[in-house]
Amino acid sequence: LFHDFDFGKFDVLKEMPKELIYFDGTYKHVLNFSKENLLPESIFIYKNDKLVKAIQYEKLNIEE
């Protein structure tokens, strides 16, 4: 996600908020984060205030 969205424009100093709303000019992305690990729990994507995609994460594995 950090590669897909420019979080540099947000003033997030110590912790990510529970919800982040990001507008890229066409779509509004609403990201909801887990309190425990700050990973996304869900992403809702809207165009003209209509939901076009919903992504719900049950488990997210990150490997290096």
N, C-alpha and C. Protein backbone atom coordinates (compact mmCIF):
# COMPACT_ATOMS: atom_id res chain seq x y z
N LEU A 1 0.81 -1.21 0.00
CA LEU A 1 0.00 0.00 0.00
C LEU A 1 0.84 1.26 0.00
N PHE A 2 1.95 1.22 0.71
CA PHE A 2 2.75 2.42 0.80
C PHE A 2 3.35 2.80 -0.55
N HIS A 3 3.45 1.83 -1.47
CA HIS A 3 3.93 2.13 -2.82
C HIS A 3 2.80 2.65 -3.70
N ASP A 4 1.55 2.29 -3.41
CA ASP A 4 0.41 2.69 -4.22
C ASP A 4 -0.12 4.07 -3.86
N PHE A 5 0.05 4.47 -2.61
CA PHE A 5 -0.49 5.74 -2.13
C PHE A 5 0.64 6.63 -1.62
N ASP A 6 0.52 7.91 -1.86
CA ASP A 6 1.52 8.87 -1.39
C ASP A 6 1.13 9.34 0.00
N PHE A 7 1.60 8.60 1.04
CA PHE A 7 1.27 8.96 2.41
C PHE A 7 2.09 10.15 2.90
N GLY A 8 3.06 10.62 2.12
CA GLY A 8 3.89 11.73 2.53
C GLY A 8 3.12 13.02 2.71
N LYS A 9 1.96 13.14 2.08
CA LYS A 9 1.18 14.37 2.22
C LYS A 9 0.35 14.40 3.51
N PHE A 10 0.33 13.30 4.25
CA PHE A 10 -0.41 13.24 5.50
C PHE A 10 0.53 13.48 6.67
N ASP A 11 0.05 14.16 7.67
CA ASP A 11 0.85 14.43 8.87
C ASP A 11 0.63 13.31 9.87
N VAL A 12 1.30 12.20 9.64
CA VAL A 12 1.19 11.04 10.52
C VAL A 12 2.54 10.87 11.20
N LEU A 13 2.64 11.31 12.45
CA LEU A 13 3.92 11.32 13.12
C LEU A 13 4.19 10.05 13.91
N LYS A 14 3.29 9.69 14.80
CA LYS A 14 3.56 8.56 15.69
C LYS A 14 2.79 7.31 15.31
N GLU A 15 1.58 7.46 14.86
CA GLU A 15 0.78 6.27 14.52
C GLU A 15 -0.21 6.60 13.42
N MET A 16 -0.54 5.60 12.66
CA MET A 16 -1.50 5.74 11.58
C MET A 16 -2.90 5.85 12.19
N PRO A 17 -3.75 6.73 11.68
CA PRO A 17 -5.12 6.81 12.20
C PRO A 17 -5.89 5.53 11.87
N LYS A 18 -7.00 5.32 12.57
CA LYS A 18 -7.82 4.13 12.33
C LYS A 18 -8.39 4.14 10.91
N GLU A 19 -8.72 5.33 10.41
CA GLU A 19 -9.27 5.45 9.06
C GLU A 19 -8.54 6.57 8.33
N LEU A 20 -8.27 6.33 7.05
CA LEU A 20 -7.60 7.33 6.22
C LEU A 20 -8.39 7.45 4.93
N ILE A 21 -8.74 8.66 4.55
CA ILE A 21 -9.46 8.91 3.31
C ILE A 21 -8.50 9.59 2.35
N TYR A 22 -8.37 9.02 1.16
CA TYR A 22 -7.41 9.47 0.16
C TYR A 22 -8.15 9.67 -1.15
N PHE A 23 -8.05 10.86 -1.73
CA PHE A 23 -8.70 11.14 -3.01
C PHE A 23 -7.64 11.36 -4.06
N ASP A 24 -7.66 10.57 -5.13
CA ASP A 24 -6.62 10.67 -6.16
C ASP A 24 -7.05 11.51 -7.36
N GLY A 25 -8.17 12.18 -7.27
CA GLY A 25 -8.67 12.99 -8.37
C GLY A 25 -9.85 12.36 -9.07
N THR A 26 -9.92 11.04 -9.07
CA THR A 26 -11.04 10.31 -9.67
C THR A 26 -11.75 9.46 -8.64
N TYR A 27 -10.98 8.76 -7.83
CA TYR A 27 -11.53 7.82 -6.86
C TYR A 27 -11.23 8.27 -5.43
N LYS A 28 -12.17 7.98 -4.55
CA LYS A 28 -11.94 8.19 -3.12
C LYS A 28 -11.69 6.83 -2.49
N HIS A 29 -10.55 6.70 -1.81
CA HIS A 29 -10.16 5.46 -1.15
C HIS A 29 -10.31 5.66 0.35
N VAL A 30 -11.05 4.78 0.99
CA VAL A 30 -11.21 4.82 2.44
C VAL A 30 -10.53 3.58 2.99
N LEU A 31 -9.42 3.78 3.71
CA LEU A 31 -8.62 2.69 4.26
C LEU A 31 -8.85 2.61 5.75
N ASN A 32 -9.15 1.42 6.24
CA ASN A 32 -9.33 1.17 7.68
C ASN A 32 -8.19 0.28 8.15
N PHE A 33 -7.54 0.69 9.23
CA PHE A 33 -6.35 0.00 9.70
C PHE A 33 -6.60 -0.72 11.02
N SER A 34 -5.86 -1.79 11.23
CA SER A 34 -5.89 -2.54 12.48
C SER A 34 -5.15 -1.75 13.55
N LYS A 35 -5.68 -1.74 14.76
CA LYS A 35 -5.02 -1.06 15.86
C LYS A 35 -3.76 -1.79 16.30
N GLU A 36 -3.75 -3.12 16.17
CA GLU A 36 -2.63 -3.92 16.66
C GLU A 36 -1.38 -3.78 15.82
N ASN A 37 -1.51 -3.81 14.48
CA ASN A 37 -0.32 -3.85 13.65
C ASN A 37 -0.29 -2.80 12.54
N LEU A 38 -1.29 -1.94 12.50
CA LEU A 38 -1.39 -0.86 11.52
C LEU A 38 -1.46 -1.33 10.07
N LEU A 39 -1.80 -2.59 9.87
CA LEU A 39 -2.02 -3.10 8.52
C LEU A 39 -3.46 -2.86 8.11
N PRO A 40 -3.76 -2.81 6.83
CA PRO A 40 -5.13 -2.54 6.41
C PRO A 40 -6.07 -3.69 6.75
N GLU A 41 -7.26 -3.32 7.22
CA GLU A 41 -8.34 -4.31 7.44
C GLU A 41 -9.31 -4.28 6.26
N SER A 42 -9.53 -3.09 5.72
CA SER A 42 -10.43 -2.98 4.57
C SER A 42 -10.09 -1.72 3.78
N ILE A 43 -10.44 -1.78 2.50
CA ILE A 43 -10.30 -0.63 1.62
C ILE A 43 -11.61 -0.53 0.84
N PHE A 44 -12.20 0.64 0.85
CA PHE A 44 -13.42 0.90 0.08
C PHE A 44 -13.07 1.97 -0.95
N ILE A 45 -13.43 1.72 -2.21
CA ILE A 45 -13.12 2.65 -3.29
C ILE A 45 -14.43 3.15 -3.89
N TYR A 46 -14.54 4.48 -3.94
CA TYR A 46 -15.76 5.13 -4.42
C TYR A 46 -15.45 6.00 -5.63
N LYS A 47 -16.40 6.07 -6.55
CA LYS A 47 -16.34 7.02 -7.66
C LYS A 47 -17.68 7.73 -7.69
N ASN A 48 -17.65 9.04 -7.62
CA ASN A 48 -18.87 9.85 -7.56
C ASN A 48 -19.77 9.40 -6.41
N ASP A 49 -19.18 9.13 -5.26
CA ASP A 49 -19.87 8.71 -4.03
C ASP A 49 -20.58 7.36 -4.16
N LYS A 50 -20.26 6.59 -5.18
CA LYS A 50 -20.82 5.24 -5.32
C LYS A 50 -19.70 4.23 -5.13
N LEU A 51 -19.96 3.22 -4.32
CA LEU A 51 -18.97 2.19 -4.04
C LEU A 51 -18.71 1.37 -5.31
N VAL A 52 -17.43 1.30 -5.72
CA VAL A 52 -17.08 0.52 -6.91
C VAL A 52 -16.26 -0.72 -6.55
N LYS A 53 -15.60 -0.70 -5.38
CA LYS A 53 -14.82 -1.87 -4.98
C LYS A 53 -14.65 -1.87 -3.47
N ALA A 54 -14.76 -3.06 -2.88
CA ALA A 54 -14.51 -3.23 -1.45
C ALA A 54 -13.55 -4.39 -1.28
N ILE A 55 -12.49 -4.16 -0.51
CA ILE A 55 -11.49 -5.18 -0.25
C ILE A 55 -11.44 -5.39 1.26
N GLN A 56 -11.67 -6.60 1.68
CA GLN A 56 -11.66 -6.95 3.12
C GLN A 56 -10.55 -7.96 3.35
N TYR A 57 -9.63 -7.64 4.24
CA TYR A 57 -8.52 -8.54 4.55
C TYR A 57 -8.84 -9.33 5.81
N GLU A 58 -8.74 -10.64 5.75
CA GLU A 58 -8.90 -11.48 6.93
C GLU A 58 -7.55 -11.74 7.57
N LYS A 59 -6.55 -12.02 6.74
CA LYS A 59 -5.20 -12.25 7.22
C LYS A 59 -4.24 -11.75 6.15
N LEU A 60 -3.22 -11.05 6.59
CA LEU A 60 -2.27 -10.48 5.65
C LEU A 60 -0.88 -10.94 6.02
N ASN A 61 -0.24 -11.71 5.15
CA ASN A 61 1.12 -12.20 5.38
C ASN A 61 2.10 -11.31 4.63
N ILE A 62 3.08 -10.81 5.34
CA ILE A 62 4.10 -9.99 4.71
C ILE A 62 5.43 -10.71 4.87
N GLU A 63 6.08 -10.95 3.73
CA GLU A 63 7.35 -11.63 3.75
C GLU A 63 8.41 -10.76 3.08
N GLU A 64 9.61 -10.86 3.56
CA GLU A 64 10.70 -10.07 2.96
C GLU A 64 11.59 -10.96 2.12
